[in-house]
PDB file of N, CA and C in Angstrom:
ATOM      1  N   MET A   1      52.072 157.331 -32.261  1.00  0.00           N
ATOM      2  CA  MET A   1      51.266 156.866 -33.373  1.00  0.00           C
ATOM      3  C   MET A   1      49.798 157.174 -33.150  1.00  0.00           C
ATOM      4  N   GLN A   2      49.510 158.152 -32.349  1.00  0.00           N
ATOM      5  CA  GLN A   2      48.117 158.482 -32.096  1.00  0.00           C
ATOM      6  C   GLN A   2      47.670 159.673 -32.919  1.00  0.00           C
ATOM      7  N   GLY A   3      48.467 160.033 -33.916  1.00  0.00           N
ATOM      8  CA  GLY A   3      48.126 161.170 -34.754  1.00  0.00           C
ATOM      9  C   GLY A   3      47.085 160.811 -35.790  1.00  0.00           C
ATOM     10  N   ASP A   4      46.944 161.715 -36.732  1.00  0.00           N
ATOM     11  CA  ASP A   4      45.941 161.540 -37.780  1.00  0.00           C
ATOM     12  C   ASP A   4      46.271 160.394 -38.732  1.00  0.00           C
ATOM     13  N   TYR A   5      47.519 159.991 -38.769  1.00  0.00           N
ATOM     14  CA  TYR A   5      47.956 158.995 -39.741  1.00  0.00           C
ATOM     15  C   TYR A   5      48.119 157.595 -39.151  1.00  0.00           C
ATOM     16  N   ALA A   6      47.704 157.400 -37.925  1.00  0.00           N
ATOM     17  CA  ALA A   6      47.907 156.112 -37.258  1.00  0.00           C
ATOM     18  C   ALA A   6      47.234 154.974 -38.023  1.00  0.00           C
ATOM     19  N   ALA A   7      46.022 155.181 -38.482  1.00  0.00           N
ATOM     20  CA  ALA A   7      45.307 154.120 -39.202  1.00  0.00           C
ATOM     21  C   ALA A   7      46.037 153.770 -40.499  1.00  0.00           C
ATOM     22  N   PHE A   8      46.515 154.792 -41.208  1.00  0.00           N
ATOM     23  CA  PHE A   8      47.249 154.550 -42.450  1.00  0.00           C
ATOM     24  C   PHE A   8      48.534 153.781 -42.182  1.00  0.00           C
ATOM     25  N   ILE A   9      49.266 154.180 -41.150  1.00  0.00           N
ATOM     26  CA  ILE A   9      50.538 153.533 -40.826  1.00  0.00           C
ATOM     27  C   ILE A   9      50.309 152.084 -40.419  1.00  0.00           C
ATOM     28  N   LEU A  10      49.322 151.842 -39.572  1.00  0.00           N
ATOM     29  CA  LEU A  10      49.023 150.472 -39.155  1.00  0.00           C
ATOM     30  C   LEU A  10      48.576 149.617 -40.339  1.00  0.00           C
ATOM     31  N   ALA A  11      47.769 150.188 -41.221  1.00  0.00           N
ATOM     32  CA  ALA A  11      47.326 149.445 -42.404  1.00  0.00           C
ATOM     33  C   ALA A  11      48.510 149.131 -43.319  1.00  0.00           C
ATOM     34  N   ALA A  12      49.419 150.082 -43.475  1.00  0.00           N
ATOM     35  CA  ALA A  12      50.594 149.855 -44.322  1.00  0.00           C
ATOM     36  C   ALA A  12      51.474 148.757 -43.740  1.00  0.00           C
ATOM     37  N   TYR A  13      51.701 148.790 -42.425  1.00  0.00           N
ATOM     38  CA  TYR A  13      52.491 147.733 -41.790  1.00  0.00           C
ATOM     39  C   TYR A  13      51.783 146.385 -41.912  1.00  0.00           C
ATOM     40  N   GLY A  14      50.489 146.360 -41.710  1.00  0.00           N
ATOM     41  CA  GLY A  14      49.737 145.118 -41.820  1.00  0.00           C
ATOM     42  C   GLY A  14      49.780 144.542 -43.221  1.00  0.00           C
ATOM     43  N   LEU A  15      49.608 145.406 -44.217  1.00  0.00           N
ATOM     44  CA  LEU A  15      49.650 144.947 -45.602  1.00  0.00           C
ATOM     45  C   LEU A  15      51.045 144.449 -45.970  1.00  0.00           C
ATOM     46  N   SER A  16      52.065 145.133 -45.492  1.00  0.00           N
ATOM     47  CA  SER A  16      53.443 144.699 -45.751  1.00  0.00           C
ATOM     48  C   SER A  16      53.715 143.343 -45.110  1.00  0.00           C
ATOM     49  N   ALA A  17      53.272 143.169 -43.872  1.00  0.00           N
ATOM     50  CA  ALA A  17      53.468 141.890 -43.186  1.00  0.00           C
ATOM     51  C   ALA A  17      52.723 140.769 -43.910  1.00  0.00           C
ATOM     52  N   LEU A  18      51.523 141.073 -44.370  1.00  0.00           N
ATOM     53  CA  LEU A  18      50.738 140.075 -45.105  1.00  0.00           C
ATOM     54  C   LEU A  18      51.427 139.702 -46.419  1.00  0.00           C
ATOM     55  N   ALA A  19      51.942 140.697 -47.137  1.00  0.00           N
ATOM     56  CA  ALA A  19      52.628 140.430 -48.402  1.00  0.00           C
ATOM     57  C   ALA A  19      53.899 139.614 -48.172  1.00  0.00           C
ATOM     58  N   LEU A  20      54.687 139.977 -47.166  1.00  0.00           N
ATOM     59  CA  LEU A  20      55.914 139.224 -46.883  1.00  0.00           C
ATOM     60  C   LEU A  20      55.601 137.805 -46.426  1.00  0.00           C
ATOM     61  N   GLY A  21      54.565 137.643 -45.627  1.00  0.00           N
ATOM     62  CA  GLY A  21      54.154 136.308 -45.207  1.00  0.00           C
ATOM     63  C   GLY A  21      53.697 135.465 -46.388  1.00  0.00           C
ATOM     64  N   GLY A  22      52.956 136.079 -47.308  1.00  0.00           N
ATOM     65  CA  GLY A  22      52.518 135.369 -48.507  1.00  0.00           C
ATOM     66  C   GLY A  22      53.685 134.947 -49.378  1.00  0.00           C
ATOM     67  N   LEU A  23      54.662 135.836 -49.534  1.00  0.00           N
ATOM     68  CA  LEU A  23      55.851 135.487 -50.318  1.00  0.00           C
ATOM     69  C   LEU A  23      56.637 134.360 -49.656  1.00  0.00           C
ATOM     70  N   GLY A  24      56.762 134.418 -48.343  1.00  0.00           N
ATOM     71  CA  GLY A  24      57.464 133.355 -47.626  1.00  0.00           C
ATOM     72  C   GLY A  24      56.764 132.015 -47.788  1.00  0.00           C
ATOM     73  N   LEU A  25      55.444 132.015 -47.692  1.00  0.00           N
ATOM     74  CA  LEU A  25      54.671 130.787 -47.873  1.00  0.00           C
ATOM     75  C   LEU A  25      54.822 130.256 -49.296  1.00  0.00           C
ATOM     76  N   TRP A  26      54.784 131.146 -50.272  1.00  0.00           N
ATOM     77  CA  TRP A  26      54.946 130.757 -51.671  1.00  0.00           C
ATOM     78  C   TRP A  26      56.316 130.118 -51.901  1.00  0.00           C
ATOM     79  N   ILE A  27      57.367 130.714 -51.348  1.00  0.00           N
ATOM     80  CA  ILE A  27      58.715 130.165 -51.494  1.00  0.00           C
ATOM     81  C   ILE A  27      58.803 128.791 -50.842  1.00  0.00           C
ATOM     82  N   PHE A  28      58.222 128.646 -49.658  1.00  0.00           N
ATOM     83  CA  PHE A  28      58.244 127.364 -48.951  1.00  0.00           C
ATOM     84  C   PHE A  28      57.529 126.279 -49.758  1.00  0.00           C
ATOM     85  N   LEU A  29      56.324 126.586 -50.236  1.00  0.00           N
ATOM     86  CA  LEU A  29      55.550 125.590 -50.982  1.00  0.00           C
ATOM     87  C   LEU A  29      56.203 125.260 -52.322  1.00  0.00           C
ATOM     88  N   ASP A  30      56.755 126.263 -52.995  1.00  0.00           N
ATOM     89  CA  ASP A  30      57.431 126.020 -54.263  1.00  0.00           C
ATOM     90  C   ASP A  30      58.682 125.172 -54.052  1.00  0.00           C
ATOM     91  N   GLY A  31      59.400 125.412 -52.966  1.00  0.00           N
ATOM     92  CA  GLY A  31      60.583 124.606 -52.656  1.00  0.00           C
ATOM     93  C   GLY A  31      60.225 123.149 -52.433  1.00  0.00           C
ATOM     94  N   ARG A  32      59.118 122.916 -51.731  1.00  0.00           N
ATOM     95  CA  ARG A  32      58.669 121.536 -51.532  1.00  0.00           C
ATOM     96  C   ARG A  32      58.337 120.873 -52.860  1.00  0.00           C
ATOM     97  N   GLU A  33      57.675 121.612 -53.737  1.00  0.00           N
ATOM     98  CA  GLU A  33      57.304 121.059 -55.042  1.00  0.00           C
ATOM     99  C   GLU A  33      58.546 120.732 -55.873  1.00  0.00           C
ATOM    100  N   VAL A  34      59.514 121.626 -55.882  1.00  0.00           N
ATOM    101  CA  VAL A  34      60.734 121.404 -56.661  1.00  0.00           C
ATOM    102  C   VAL A  34      61.516 120.220 -56.101  1.00  0.00           C
ATOM    103  N   ARG A  35      61.603 120.120 -54.766  1.00  0.00           N
ATOM    104  CA  ARG A  35      62.298 118.966 -54.173  1.00  0.00           C
ATOM    105  C   ARG A  35      61.601 117.667 -54.555  1.00  0.00           C
ATOM    106  N   GLY A  36      60.273 117.674 -54.600  1.00  0.00           N
ATOM    107  CA  GLY A  36      59.539 116.485 -55.021  1.00  0.00           C
ATOM    108  C   GLY A  36      59.811 116.119 -56.469  1.00  0.00           C
ATOM    109  N   GLU A  37      59.872 117.135 -57.335  1.00  0.00           N
ATOM    110  CA  GLU A  37      60.180 116.876 -58.741  1.00  0.00           C
ATOM    111  C   GLU A  37      61.595 116.324 -58.893  1.00  0.00           C
ATOM    112  N   LEU A  38      62.553 116.886 -58.151  1.00  0.00           N
ATOM    113  CA  LEU A  38      63.929 116.382 -58.211  1.00  0.00           C
ATOM    114  C   LEU A  38      64.011 114.944 -57.725  1.00  0.00           C
ATOM    115  N   LYS A  39      63.279 114.631 -56.656  1.00  0.00           N
ATOM    116  CA  LYS A  39      63.284 113.265 -56.144  1.00  0.00           C
ATOM    117  C   LYS A  39      62.710 112.313 -57.183  1.00  0.00           C
ATOM    118  N   GLY A  40      61.648 112.727 -57.863  1.00  0.00           N
ATOM    119  CA  GLY A  40      61.067 111.896 -58.913  1.00  0.00           C
ATOM    120  C   GLY A  40      62.041 111.641 -60.049  1.00  0.00           C
ATOM    121  N   LEU A  41      62.772 112.669 -60.441  1.00  0.00           N
ATOM    122  CA  LEU A  41      63.768 112.501 -61.507  1.00  0.00           C
ATOM    123  C   LEU A  41      64.904 111.593 -61.056  1.00  0.00           C
ATOM    124  N   GLU A  42      65.361 111.770 -59.821  1.00  0.00           N
ATOM    125  CA  GLU A  42      66.441 110.922 -59.311  1.00  0.00           C
ATOM    126  C   GLU A  42      65.987 109.478 -59.163  1.00  0.00           C
ATOM    127  N   ASP A  43      64.727 109.263 -58.806  1.00  0.00           N
ATOM    128  CA  ASP A  43      64.197 107.902 -58.702  1.00  0.00           C
ATOM    129  C   ASP A  43      64.154 107.214 -60.069  1.00  0.00           C
ATOM    130  N   ARG A  44      64.020 108.011 -61.138  1.00  0.00           N
ATOM    131  CA  ARG A  44      64.013 107.446 -62.492  1.00  0.00           C
ATOM    132  C   ARG A  44      65.420 107.280 -63.050  1.00  0.00           C
ATOM    133  N   GLY A  45      66.423 107.622 -62.267  1.00  0.00           N
ATOM    134  CA  GLY A  45      67.796 107.395 -62.691  1.00  0.00           C
ATOM    135  C   GLY A  45      68.527 108.619 -63.194  1.00  0.00           C
ATOM    136  N   LEU A  46      67.874 109.752 -63.249  1.00  0.00           N
ATOM    137  CA  LEU A  46      68.548 110.966 -63.702  1.00  0.00           C
ATOM    138  C   LEU A  46      69.306 111.579 -62.536  1.00  0.00           C
ATOM    139  N   LYS A  47      70.504 112.014 -62.809  1.00  0.00           N
ATOM    140  CA  LYS A  47      71.338 112.601 -61.758  1.00  0.00           C
ATOM    141  C   LYS A  47      71.575 114.074 -62.055  1.00  0.00           C
ATOM    142  N   ARG A  48      71.923 114.806 -61.015  1.00  0.00           N
ATOM    143  CA  ARG A  48      72.248 116.223 -61.168  1.00  0.00           C
ATOM    144  C   ARG A  48      73.676 116.377 -61.658  1.00  0.00           C
ATOM    145  N   ARG A  49      73.919 117.423 -62.409  1.00  0.00           N
ATOM    146  CA  ARG A  49      75.272 117.685 -62.892  1.00  0.00           C
ATOM    147  C   ARG A  49      76.224 117.920 -61.731  1.00  0.00           C
ATOM    148  N   SER A  50      75.735 118.473 -60.639  1.00  0.00           N
ATOM    149  CA  SER A  50      76.611 118.753 -59.498  1.00  0.00           C
ATOM    150  C   SER A  50      77.117 117.468 -58.848  1.00  0.00           C
ATOM    151  N   ASP A  51      76.439 116.341 -59.076  1.00  0.00           N
ATOM    152  CA  ASP A  51      76.883 115.059 -58.516  1.00  0.00           C
ATOM    153  C   ASP A  51      78.033 114.447 -59.311  1.00  0.00           C
ATOM    154  N   ARG A  52      78.279 114.923 -60.518  1.00  0.00           N
ATOM    155  CA  ARG A  52      79.320 114.352 -61.377  1.00  0.00           C
ATOM    156  C   ARG A  52      80.707 114.874 -61.037  1.00  0.00           C
ATOM    157  N   GLY A  53      80.812 115.946 -60.328  1.00  0.00           N
ATOM    158  CA  GLY A  53      82.111 116.539 -60.030  1.00  0.00           C
ATOM    159  C   GLY A  53      82.429 117.660 -60.989  1.00  0.00           C
ATOM    160  N   ALA A  54      83.516 118.341 -60.718  1.00  0.00           N
ATOM    161  CA  ALA A  54      83.900 119.493 -61.537  1.00  0.00           C
ATOM    162  C   ALA A  54      84.556 119.036 -62.831  1.00  0.00           C
ATOM    163  N   HIS A  55      84.159 119.644 -63.922  1.00  0.00           N
ATOM    164  CA  HIS A  55      84.754 119.373 -65.232  1.00  0.00           C
ATOM    165  C   HIS A  55      85.615 120.561 -65.604  1.00  0.00           C
ATOM    166  N   ARG A  56      86.915 120.452 -65.424  1.00  0.00           N
ATOM    167  CA  ARG A  56      87.821 121.562 -65.766  1.00  0.00           C
ATOM    168  C   ARG A  56      88.958 121.082 -66.583  1.00  0.00           C
TER     169      ARG A  56
END
């Protein structure tokens, strides 16, 4: 990696790692928010359809 393109390759890997890390953080934070919203709904008495069992 000591050729003419080393800086480009390192920058591309760095940018990719940064983008993937940002997406992972976004998914983590969004999951926390959704779990909080679900807990709020369940605290108000609303239940999930999956808790009712299969309707066949």
